[in-house]
PDB file of N, CA and C in Angstrom:
ATOM      1  N   UNK A   1      -8.528 -53.237  34.778  1.00  0.00           N
ATOM      2  CA  UNK A   1      -7.215 -52.715  35.118  1.00  0.00           C
ATOM      3  C   UNK A   1      -7.226 -51.194  35.026  1.00  0.00           C
ATOM      4  N   UNK A   2      -6.621 -50.537  35.973  1.00  0.00           N
ATOM      5  CA  UNK A   2      -6.567 -49.079  35.999  1.00  0.00           C
ATOM      6  C   UNK A   2      -5.596 -48.572  34.940  1.00  0.00           C
ATOM      7  N   UNK A   3      -5.825 -47.338  34.532  1.00  0.00           N
ATOM      8  CA  UNK A   3      -4.971 -46.723  33.528  1.00  0.00           C
ATOM      9  C   UNK A   3      -3.573 -46.466  34.102  1.00  0.00           C
ATOM     10  N   UNK A   4      -2.573 -46.961  33.420  1.00  0.00           N
ATOM     11  CA  UNK A   4      -1.186 -46.766  33.860  1.00  0.00           C
ATOM     12  C   UNK A   4      -0.675 -45.437  33.318  1.00  0.00           C
ATOM     13  N   UNK A   5       0.045 -44.719  34.172  1.00  0.00           N
ATOM     14  CA  UNK A   5       0.622 -43.436  33.799  1.00  0.00           C
ATOM     15  C   UNK A   5       2.141 -43.534  33.880  1.00  0.00           C
ATOM     16  N   UNK A   6       2.853 -42.706  33.119  1.00  0.00           N
ATOM     17  CA  UNK A   6       4.326 -42.762  33.159  1.00  0.00           C
ATOM     18  C   UNK A   6       4.881 -42.086  34.414  1.00  0.00           C
ATOM     19  N   UNK A   7       5.854 -42.736  35.034  1.00  0.00           N
ATOM     20  CA  UNK A   7       6.516 -42.215  36.228  1.00  0.00           C
ATOM     21  C   UNK A   7       8.022 -42.390  36.099  1.00  0.00           C
ATOM     22  N   UNK A   8       8.755 -41.481  36.757  1.00  0.00           N
ATOM     23  CA  UNK A   8      10.193 -41.642  36.961  1.00  0.00           C
ATOM     24  C   UNK A   8      10.372 -42.058  38.411  1.00  0.00           C
ATOM     25  N   UNK A   9      11.014 -43.192  38.628  1.00  0.00           N
ATOM     26  CA  UNK A   9      11.278 -43.685  39.974  1.00  0.00           C
ATOM     27  C   UNK A   9      12.791 -43.684  40.161  1.00  0.00           C
ATOM     28  N   UNK A  10      13.271 -42.797  41.034  1.00  0.00           N
ATOM     29  CA  UNK A  10      14.693 -42.690  41.299  1.00  0.00           C
ATOM     30  C   UNK A  10      14.979 -43.302  42.668  1.00  0.00           C
ATOM     31  N   UNK A  11      15.936 -44.208  42.723  1.00  0.00           N
ATOM     32  CA  UNK A  11      16.290 -44.882  43.969  1.00  0.00           C
ATOM     33  C   UNK A  11      17.769 -44.686  44.263  1.00  0.00           C
ATOM     34  N   UNK A  12      18.082 -44.553  45.550  1.00  0.00           N
ATOM     35  CA  UNK A  12      19.472 -44.497  45.998  1.00  0.00           C
ATOM     36  C   UNK A  12      19.707 -45.742  46.845  1.00  0.00           C
ATOM     37  N   UNK A  13      20.566 -46.617  46.344  1.00  0.00           N
ATOM     38  CA  UNK A  13      20.895 -47.864  47.040  1.00  0.00           C
ATOM     39  C   UNK A  13      22.141 -47.665  47.896  1.00  0.00           C
ATOM     40  N   UNK A  14      22.318 -48.554  48.856  1.00  0.00           N
ATOM     41  CA  UNK A  14      23.499 -48.516  49.729  1.00  0.00           C
ATOM     42  C   UNK A  14      24.769 -48.655  48.883  1.00  0.00           C
ATOM     43  N   UNK A  15      25.832 -47.923  49.222  1.00  0.00           N
ATOM     44  CA  UNK A  15      27.064 -48.010  48.434  1.00  0.00           C
ATOM     45  C   UNK A  15      27.858 -49.283  48.696  1.00  0.00           C
ATOM     46  N   UNK A  16      27.594 -49.969  49.809  1.00  0.00           N
ATOM     47  CA  UNK A  16      28.383 -51.154  50.144  1.00  0.00           C
ATOM     48  C   UNK A  16      27.832 -52.442  49.536  1.00  0.00           C
ATOM     49  N   UNK A  17      26.825 -52.337  48.660  1.00  0.00           N
ATOM     50  CA  UNK A  17      26.327 -53.539  47.969  1.00  0.00           C
ATOM     51  C   UNK A  17      27.330 -53.951  46.894  1.00  0.00           C
ATOM     52  N   UNK A  18      27.649 -55.243  46.839  1.00  0.00           N
ATOM     53  CA  UNK A  18      28.514 -55.699  45.754  1.00  0.00           C
ATOM     54  C   UNK A  18      27.685 -55.815  44.477  1.00  0.00           C
ATOM     55  N   UNK A  19      28.345 -56.131  43.380  1.00  0.00           N
ATOM     56  CA  UNK A  19      27.682 -56.134  42.065  1.00  0.00           C
ATOM     57  C   UNK A  19      26.512 -57.104  42.011  1.00  0.00           C
ATOM     58  N   UNK A  20      26.672 -58.280  42.600  1.00  0.00           N
ATOM     59  CA  UNK A  20      25.611 -59.293  42.576  1.00  0.00           C
ATOM     60  C   UNK A  20      24.409 -58.828  43.393  1.00  0.00           C
ATOM     61  N   UNK A  21      24.649 -58.311  44.588  1.00  0.00           N
ATOM     62  CA  UNK A  21      23.553 -57.841  45.442  1.00  0.00           C
ATOM     63  C   UNK A  21      22.872 -56.622  44.833  1.00  0.00           C
ATOM     64  N   UNK A  22      23.648 -55.745  44.194  1.00  0.00           N
ATOM     65  CA  UNK A  22      23.090 -54.552  43.544  1.00  0.00           C
ATOM     66  C   UNK A  22      22.163 -54.948  42.397  1.00  0.00           C
ATOM     67  N   UNK A  23      22.608 -55.884  41.558  1.00  0.00           N
ATOM     68  CA  UNK A  23      21.780 -56.367  40.451  1.00  0.00           C
ATOM     69  C   UNK A  23      20.531 -57.067  40.969  1.00  0.00           C
ATOM     70  N   UNK A  24      20.670 -57.849  42.035  1.00  0.00           N
ATOM     71  CA  UNK A  24      19.520 -58.527  42.626  1.00  0.00           C
ATOM     72  C   UNK A  24      18.518 -57.520  43.178  1.00  0.00           C
ATOM     73  N   UNK A  25      18.999 -56.437  43.762  1.00  0.00           N
ATOM     74  CA  UNK A  25      18.105 -55.403  44.290  1.00  0.00           C
ATOM     75  C   UNK A  25      17.350 -54.702  43.163  1.00  0.00           C
ATOM     76  N   UNK A  26      18.035 -54.426  42.058  1.00  0.00           N
ATOM     77  CA  UNK A  26      17.376 -53.813  40.906  1.00  0.00           C
ATOM     78  C   UNK A  26      16.290 -54.741  40.371  1.00  0.00           C
ATOM     79  N   UNK A  27      16.602 -56.039  40.262  1.00  0.00           N
ATOM     80  CA  UNK A  27      15.615 -57.004  39.776  1.00  0.00           C
ATOM     81  C   UNK A  27      14.428 -57.109  40.733  1.00  0.00           C
ATOM     82  N   UNK A  28      14.701 -57.003  42.045  1.00  0.00           N
ATOM     83  CA  UNK A  28      13.622 -57.060  43.030  1.00  0.00           C
ATOM     84  C   UNK A  28      12.670 -55.873  42.854  1.00  0.00           C
ATOM     85  N   UNK A  29      13.233 -54.679  42.630  1.00  0.00           N
ATOM     86  CA  UNK A  29      12.414 -53.484  42.426  1.00  0.00           C
ATOM     87  C   UNK A  29      11.584 -53.618  41.148  1.00  0.00           C
ATOM     88  N   UNK A  30      12.204 -54.135  40.080  1.00  0.00           N
ATOM     89  CA  UNK A  30      11.453 -54.356  38.836  1.00  0.00           C
ATOM     90  C   UNK A  30      10.309 -55.338  39.071  1.00  0.00           C
ATOM     91  N   UNK A  31      10.552 -56.372  39.880  1.00  0.00           N
ATOM     92  CA  UNK A  31       9.508 -57.333  40.210  1.00  0.00           C
ATOM     93  C   UNK A  31       8.361 -56.695  40.965  1.00  0.00           C
ATOM     94  N   UNK A  32       8.672 -55.800  41.910  1.00  0.00           N
ATOM     95  CA  UNK A  32       7.624 -55.093  42.637  1.00  0.00           C
ATOM     96  C   UNK A  32       6.764 -54.267  41.691  1.00  0.00           C
ATOM     97  N   UNK A  33       7.403 -53.607  40.727  1.00  0.00           N
ATOM     98  CA  UNK A  33       6.655 -52.759  39.796  1.00  0.00           C
ATOM     99  C   UNK A  33       5.773 -53.588  38.870  1.00  0.00           C
ATOM    100  N   UNK A  34       6.291 -54.699  38.365  1.00  0.00           N
ATOM    101  CA  UNK A  34       5.489 -55.519  37.460  1.00  0.00           C
ATOM    102  C   UNK A  34       4.380 -56.256  38.204  1.00  0.00           C
ATOM    103  N   UNK A  35       4.607 -56.629  39.462  1.00  0.00           N
ATOM    104  CA  UNK A  35       3.547 -57.298  40.219  1.00  0.00           C
ATOM    105  C   UNK A  35       2.445 -56.319  40.610  1.00  0.00           C
ATOM    106  N   UNK A  36       2.716 -55.012  40.531  1.00  0.00           N
ATOM    107  CA  UNK A  36       1.708 -53.988  40.804  1.00  0.00           C
ATOM    108  C   UNK A  36       1.016 -53.564  39.511  1.00  0.00           C
ATOM    109  N   UNK A  37       1.000 -54.444  38.507  1.00  0.00           N
ATOM    110  CA  UNK A  37       0.380 -54.192  37.203  1.00  0.00           C
ATOM    111  C   UNK A  37       1.040 -53.043  36.447  1.00  0.00           C
ATOM    112  N   UNK A  38       2.331 -52.848  36.650  1.00  0.00           N
ATOM    113  CA  UNK A  38       3.065 -51.830  35.931  1.00  0.00           C
ATOM    114  C   UNK A  38       4.057 -52.456  34.977  1.00  0.00           C
ATOM    115  N   UNK A  39       4.647 -51.623  34.138  1.00  0.00           N
ATOM    116  CA  UNK A  39       5.686 -52.084  33.223  1.00  0.00           C
ATOM    117  C   UNK A  39       6.879 -51.144  33.335  1.00  0.00           C
ATOM    118  N   UNK A  40       8.068 -51.712  33.414  1.00  0.00           N
ATOM    119  CA  UNK A  40       9.297 -50.928  33.447  1.00  0.00           C
ATOM    120  C   UNK A  40       9.757 -50.753  32.008  1.00  0.00           C
ATOM    121  N   UNK A  41       9.803 -49.501  31.547  1.00  0.00           N
ATOM    122  CA  UNK A  41      10.168 -49.243  30.157  1.00  0.00           C
ATOM    123  C   UNK A  41      11.661 -49.009  29.979  1.00  0.00           C
ATOM    124  N   UNK A  42      12.327 -48.500  31.041  1.00  0.00           N
ATOM    125  CA  UNK A  42      13.754 -48.220  30.912  1.00  0.00           C
ATOM    126  C   UNK A  42      14.392 -48.229  32.298  1.00  0.00           C
ATOM    127  N   UNK A  43      15.638 -48.689  32.363  1.00  0.00           N
ATOM    128  CA  UNK A  43      16.410 -48.679  33.605  1.00  0.00           C
ATOM    129  C   UNK A  43      17.760 -48.025  33.323  1.00  0.00           C
ATOM    130  N   UNK A  44      18.042 -46.933  34.023  1.00  0.00           N
ATOM    131  CA  UNK A  44      19.313 -46.225  33.861  1.00  0.00           C
ATOM    132  C   UNK A  44      20.089 -46.293  35.165  1.00  0.00           C
ATOM    133  N   UNK A  45      21.243 -46.959  35.141  1.00  0.00           N
ATOM    134  CA  UNK A  45      22.098 -47.028  36.333  1.00  0.00           C
ATOM    135  C   UNK A  45      23.065 -45.854  36.256  1.00  0.00           C
ATOM    136  N   UNK A  46      22.920 -44.920  37.178  1.00  0.00           N
ATOM    137  CA  UNK A  46      23.788 -43.742  37.198  1.00  0.00           C
ATOM    138  C   UNK A  46      25.097 -44.026  37.909  1.00  0.00           C
ATOM    139  N   UNK A  47      25.131 -45.077  38.708  1.00  0.00           N
ATOM    140  CA  UNK A  47      26.363 -45.445  39.382  1.00  0.00           C
ATOM    141  C   UNK A  47      26.508 -44.796  40.748  1.00  0.00           C
ATOM    142  N   UNK A  48      27.704 -44.899  41.285  1.00  0.00           N
ATOM    143  CA  UNK A  48      28.001 -44.399  42.630  1.00  0.00           C
ATOM    144  C   UNK A  48      28.230 -42.891  42.575  1.00  0.00           C
ATOM    145  N   UNK A  49      27.492 -42.172  43.426  1.00  0.00           N
ATOM    146  CA  UNK A  49      27.628 -40.716  43.493  1.00  0.00           C
ATOM    147  C   UNK A  49      27.677 -40.268  44.949  1.00  0.00           C
ATOM    148  N   UNK A  50      28.238 -39.121  45.164  1.00  0.00           N
ATOM    149  CA  UNK A  50      28.303 -38.529  46.505  1.00  0.00           C
ATOM    150  C   UNK A  50      26.925 -37.969  46.869  1.00  0.00           C
ATOM    151  N   UNK A  51      26.506 -38.214  48.103  1.00  0.00           N
ATOM    152  CA  UNK A  51      25.227 -37.704  48.580  1.00  0.00           C
ATOM    153  C   UNK A  51      25.379 -36.244  49.015  1.00  0.00           C
ATOM    154  N   UNK A  52      24.299 -35.487  48.937  1.00  0.00           N
ATOM    155  CA  UNK A  52      24.329 -34.083  49.348  1.00  0.00           C
ATOM    156  C   UNK A  52      24.525 -33.949  50.853  1.00  0.00           C
ATOM    157  N   UNK A  53      24.048 -34.946  51.594  1.00  0.00           N
ATOM    158  CA  UNK A  53      24.196 -34.966  53.048  1.00  0.00           C
ATOM    159  C   UNK A  53      24.266 -36.420  53.490  1.00  0.00           C
ATOM    160  N   UNK A  54      24.909 -36.704  54.624  1.00  0.00           N
ATOM    161  CA  UNK A  54      25.033 -38.102  55.076  1.00  0.00           C
ATOM    162  C   UNK A  54      23.677 -38.714  55.423  1.00  0.00           C
ATOM    163  N   UNK A  55      23.483 -39.950  55.026  1.00  0.00           N
ATOM    164  CA  UNK A  55      22.296 -40.725  55.369  1.00  0.00           C
ATOM    165  C   UNK A  55      22.787 -41.971  56.087  1.00  0.00           C
ATOM    166  N   UNK A  56      22.376 -42.159  57.324  1.00  0.00           N
ATOM    167  CA  UNK A  56      22.836 -43.303  58.137  1.00  0.00           C
ATOM    168  C   UNK A  56      24.358 -43.407  58.145  1.00  0.00           C
ATOM    169  N   UNK A  57      25.027 -42.260  58.247  1.00  0.00           N
ATOM    170  CA  UNK A  57      26.492 -42.154  58.282  1.00  0.00           C
ATOM    171  C   UNK A  57      27.163 -42.569  56.974  1.00  0.00           C
ATOM    172  N   UNK A  58      26.398 -42.642  55.894  1.00  0.00           N
ATOM    173  CA  UNK A  58      26.946 -42.955  54.571  1.00  0.00           C
ATOM    174  C   UNK A  58      27.026 -41.663  53.759  1.00  0.00           C
ATOM    175  N   UNK A  59      28.097 -41.496  52.996  1.00  0.00           N
ATOM    176  CA  UNK A  59      28.270 -40.278  52.208  1.00  0.00           C
ATOM    177  C   UNK A  59      28.139 -40.526  50.709  1.00  0.00           C
ATOM    178  N   UNK A  60      27.967 -41.788  50.296  1.00  0.00           N
ATOM    179  CA  UNK A  60      27.790 -42.123  48.886  1.00  0.00           C
ATOM    180  C   UNK A  60      26.595 -43.043  48.729  1.00  0.00           C
ATOM    181  N   UNK A  61      26.082 -43.116  47.503  1.00  0.00           N
ATOM    182  CA  UNK A  61      24.996 -44.030  47.192  1.00  0.00           C
ATOM    183  C   UNK A  61      25.068 -44.435  45.735  1.00  0.00           C
ATOM    184  N   UNK A  62      24.392 -45.526  45.397  1.00  0.00           N
ATOM    185  CA  UNK A  62      24.316 -45.996  44.017  1.00  0.00           C
ATOM    186  C   UNK A  62      22.944 -45.629  43.471  1.00  0.00           C
ATOM    187  N   UNK A  63      22.930 -44.761  42.470  1.00  0.00           N
ATOM    188  CA  UNK A  63      21.687 -44.219  41.936  1.00  0.00           C
ATOM    189  C   UNK A  63      21.187 -45.043  40.757  1.00  0.00           C
ATOM    190  N   UNK A  64      19.853 -45.237  40.713  1.00  0.00           N
ATOM    191  CA  UNK A  64      19.215 -45.920  39.590  1.00  0.00           C
ATOM    192  C   UNK A  64      17.923 -45.182  39.263  1.00  0.00           C
ATOM    193  N   UNK A  65      17.700 -44.906  37.978  1.00  0.00           N
ATOM    194  CA  UNK A  65      16.469 -44.272  37.512  1.00  0.00           C
ATOM    195  C   UNK A  65      15.675 -45.287  36.709  1.00  0.00           C
ATOM    196  N   UNK A  66      14.416 -45.495  37.102  1.00  0.00           N
ATOM    197  CA  UNK A  66      13.505 -46.364  36.374  1.00  0.00           C
ATOM    198  C   UNK A  66      12.459 -45.493  35.700  1.00  0.00           C
ATOM    199  N   UNK A  67      12.178 -45.746  34.420  1.00  0.00           N
ATOM    200  CA  UNK A  67      11.031 -45.155  33.749  1.00  0.00           C
ATOM    201  C   UNK A  67       9.996 -46.259  33.666  1.00  0.00           C
ATOM    202  N   UNK A  68       8.809 -46.007  34.244  1.00  0.00           N
ATOM    203  CA  UNK A  68       7.813 -47.071  34.345  1.00  0.00           C
ATOM    204  C   UNK A  68       6.422 -46.513  34.135  1.00  0.00           C
ATOM    205  N   UNK A  69       5.550 -47.356  33.610  1.00  0.00           N
ATOM    206  CA  UNK A  69       4.127 -47.049  33.511  1.00  0.00           C
ATOM    207  C   UNK A  69       3.441 -47.790  34.650  1.00  0.00           C
ATOM    208  N   UNK A  70       2.862 -47.022  35.590  1.00  0.00           N
ATOM    209  CA  UNK A  70       2.276 -47.609  36.792  1.00  0.00           C
ATOM    210  C   UNK A  70       0.872 -47.066  37.016  1.00  0.00           C
ATOM    211  N   UNK A  71      -0.042 -47.900  37.527  1.00  0.00           N
ATOM    212  CA  UNK A  71      -1.341 -47.376  37.945  1.00  0.00           C
ATOM    213  C   UNK A  71      -1.181 -46.575  39.243  1.00  0.00           C
ATOM    214  N   UNK A  72      -2.012 -45.566  39.430  1.00  0.00           N
ATOM    215  CA  UNK A  72      -1.890 -44.683  40.595  1.00  0.00           C
ATOM    216  C   UNK A  72      -2.067 -45.436  41.909  1.00  0.00           C
ATOM    217  N   UNK A  73      -2.895 -46.486  41.925  1.00  0.00           N
ATOM    218  CA  UNK A  73      -3.137 -47.240  43.156  1.00  0.00           C
ATOM    219  C   UNK A  73      -1.904 -48.010  43.596  1.00  0.00           C
ATOM    220  N   UNK A  74      -0.979 -48.271  42.694  1.00  0.00           N
ATOM    221  CA  UNK A  74       0.208 -49.071  43.013  1.00  0.00           C
ATOM    222  C   UNK A  74       1.263 -48.272  43.758  1.00  0.00           C
ATOM    223  N   UNK A  75       1.176 -46.947  43.743  1.00  0.00           N
ATOM    224  CA  UNK A  75       2.244 -46.123  44.315  1.00  0.00           C
ATOM    225  C   UNK A  75       2.385 -46.304  45.819  1.00  0.00           C
ATOM    226  N   UNK A  76       1.288 -46.379  46.541  1.00  0.00           N
ATOM    227  CA  UNK A  76       1.367 -46.530  47.998  1.00  0.00           C
ATOM    228  C   UNK A  76       2.056 -47.842  48.370  1.00  0.00           C
ATOM    229  N   UNK A  77       1.726 -48.915  47.671  1.00  0.00           N
ATOM    230  CA  UNK A  77       2.364 -50.199  47.937  1.00  0.00           C
ATOM    231  C   UNK A  77       3.845 -50.183  47.611  1.00  0.00           C
ATOM    232  N   UNK A  78       4.210 -49.525  46.498  1.00  0.00           N
ATOM    233  CA  UNK A  78       5.631 -49.422  46.138  1.00  0.00           C
ATOM    234  C   UNK A  78       6.400 -48.608  47.170  1.00  0.00           C
ATOM    235  N   UNK A  79       5.831 -47.490  47.615  1.00  0.00           N
ATOM    236  CA  UNK A  79       6.495 -46.669  48.625  1.00  0.00           C
ATOM    237  C   UNK A  79       6.717 -47.468  49.899  1.00  0.00           C
ATOM    238  N   UNK A  80       5.753 -48.280  50.271  1.00  0.00           N
ATOM    239  CA  UNK A  80       5.897 -49.117  51.466  1.00  0.00           C
ATOM    240  C   UNK A  80       7.056 -50.095  51.306  1.00  0.00           C
ATOM    241  N   UNK A  81       7.123 -50.748  50.146  1.00  0.00           N
ATOM    242  CA  UNK A  81       8.218 -51.687  49.884  1.00  0.00           C
ATOM    243  C   UNK A  81       9.572 -50.972  49.916  1.00  0.00           C
ATOM    244  N   UNK A  82       9.641 -49.763  49.334  1.00  0.00           N
ATOM    245  CA  UNK A  82      10.902 -49.011  49.315  1.00  0.00           C
ATOM    246  C   UNK A  82      11.336 -48.655  50.733  1.00  0.00           C
ATOM    247  N   UNK A  83      10.379 -48.232  51.572  1.00  0.00           N
ATOM    248  CA  UNK A  83      10.713 -47.850  52.947  1.00  0.00           C
ATOM    249  C   UNK A  83      11.192 -49.048  53.772  1.00  0.00           C
ATOM    250  N   UNK A  84      10.614 -50.224  53.523  1.00  0.00           N
ATOM    251  CA  UNK A  84      10.963 -51.411  54.295  1.00  0.00           C
ATOM    252  C   UNK A  84      12.261 -52.073  53.832  1.00  0.00           C
ATOM    253  N   UNK A  85      12.686 -51.763  52.622  1.00  0.00           N
ATOM    254  CA  UNK A  85      13.899 -52.375  52.074  1.00  0.00           C
ATOM    255  C   UNK A  85      15.135 -51.759  52.717  1.00  0.00           C
ATOM    256  N   UNK A  86      16.021 -52.612  53.211  1.00  0.00           N
ATOM    257  CA  UNK A  86      17.246 -52.126  53.844  1.00  0.00           C
ATOM    258  C   UNK A  86      18.288 -51.665  52.822  1.00  0.00           C
ATOM    259  N   UNK A  87      18.173 -52.116  51.581  1.00  0.00           N
ATOM    260  CA  UNK A  87      19.153 -51.721  50.556  1.00  0.00           C
ATOM    261  C   UNK A  87      18.900 -50.310  50.039  1.00  0.00           C
ATOM    262  N   UNK A  88      17.665 -49.797  50.154  1.00  0.00           N
ATOM    263  CA  UNK A  88      17.302 -48.507  49.577  1.00  0.00           C
ATOM    264  C   UNK A  88      17.426 -47.427  50.649  1.00  0.00           C
ATOM    265  N   UNK A  89      18.256 -46.413  50.371  1.00  0.00           N
ATOM    266  CA  UNK A  89      18.426 -45.303  51.300  1.00  0.00           C
ATOM    267  C   UNK A  89      17.344 -44.242  51.106  1.00  0.00           C
ATOM    268  N   UNK A  90      17.079 -43.866  49.856  1.00  0.00           N
ATOM    269  CA  UNK A  90      16.080 -42.849  49.527  1.00  0.00           C
ATOM    270  C   UNK A  90      15.414 -43.215  48.215  1.00  0.00           C
ATOM    271  N   UNK A  91      14.208 -42.661  48.009  1.00  0.00           N
ATOM    272  CA  UNK A  91      13.509 -42.859  46.749  1.00  0.00           C
ATOM    273  C   UNK A  91      12.709 -41.613  46.413  1.00  0.00           C
ATOM    274  N   UNK A  92      12.399 -41.447  45.133  1.00  0.00           N
ATOM    275  CA  UNK A  92      11.583 -40.341  44.668  1.00  0.00           C
ATOM    276  C   UNK A  92      10.759 -40.843  43.485  1.00  0.00           C
ATOM    277  N   UNK A  93       9.448 -40.653  43.560  1.00  0.00           N
ATOM    278  CA  UNK A  93       8.549 -41.049  42.483  1.00  0.00           C
ATOM    279  C   UNK A  93       7.915 -39.776  41.923  1.00  0.00           C
ATOM    280  N   UNK A  94       8.111 -39.533  40.631  1.00  0.00           N
ATOM    281  CA  UNK A  94       7.603 -38.321  39.985  1.00  0.00           C
ATOM    282  C   UNK A  94       6.804 -38.719  38.757  1.00  0.00           C
ATOM    283  N   UNK A  95       5.602 -38.163  38.642  1.00  0.00           N
ATOM    284  CA  UNK A  95       4.784 -38.431  37.455  1.00  0.00           C
ATOM    285  C   UNK A  95       5.299 -37.579  36.295  1.00  0.00           C
ATOM    286  N   UNK A  96       5.451 -38.201  35.132  1.00  0.00           N
ATOM    287  CA  UNK A  96       5.965 -37.523  33.941  1.00  0.00           C
ATOM    288  C   UNK A  96       4.781 -36.989  33.150  1.00  0.00           C
ATOM    289  N   UNK A  97       4.810 -35.705  32.845  1.00  0.00           N
ATOM    290  CA  UNK A  97       3.757 -35.121  32.018  1.00  0.00           C
ATOM    291  C   UNK A  97       3.994 -35.471  30.557  1.00  0.00           C
ATOM    292  N   UNK A  98       2.915 -35.753  29.854  1.00  0.00           N
ATOM    293  CA  UNK A  98       3.053 -36.156  28.447  1.00  0.00           C
ATOM    294  C   UNK A  98       2.777 -35.008  27.527  1.00  0.00           C
TER     295      UNK A  98
END
């Protein structure tokens, strides 16, 4: 198994998701991370916020920050899943320095 490094994964979900769909989307993302040999250490739901600019004619999004330990090889697969997901408007993956 490759060495896992700490990352901050910030996702912006569609604002029109109801509570059940929003929770299911968060669980789906956690599943993607754990199936890529990673571990999610913390999940922070920031809630609905105004976007800096419209994305697909939407002006708000639901922000979630994940703190996760992921192997470097897993990032490309996660980015692909994020891009293909219709619930996710934007994402940002940043490696945390220790």
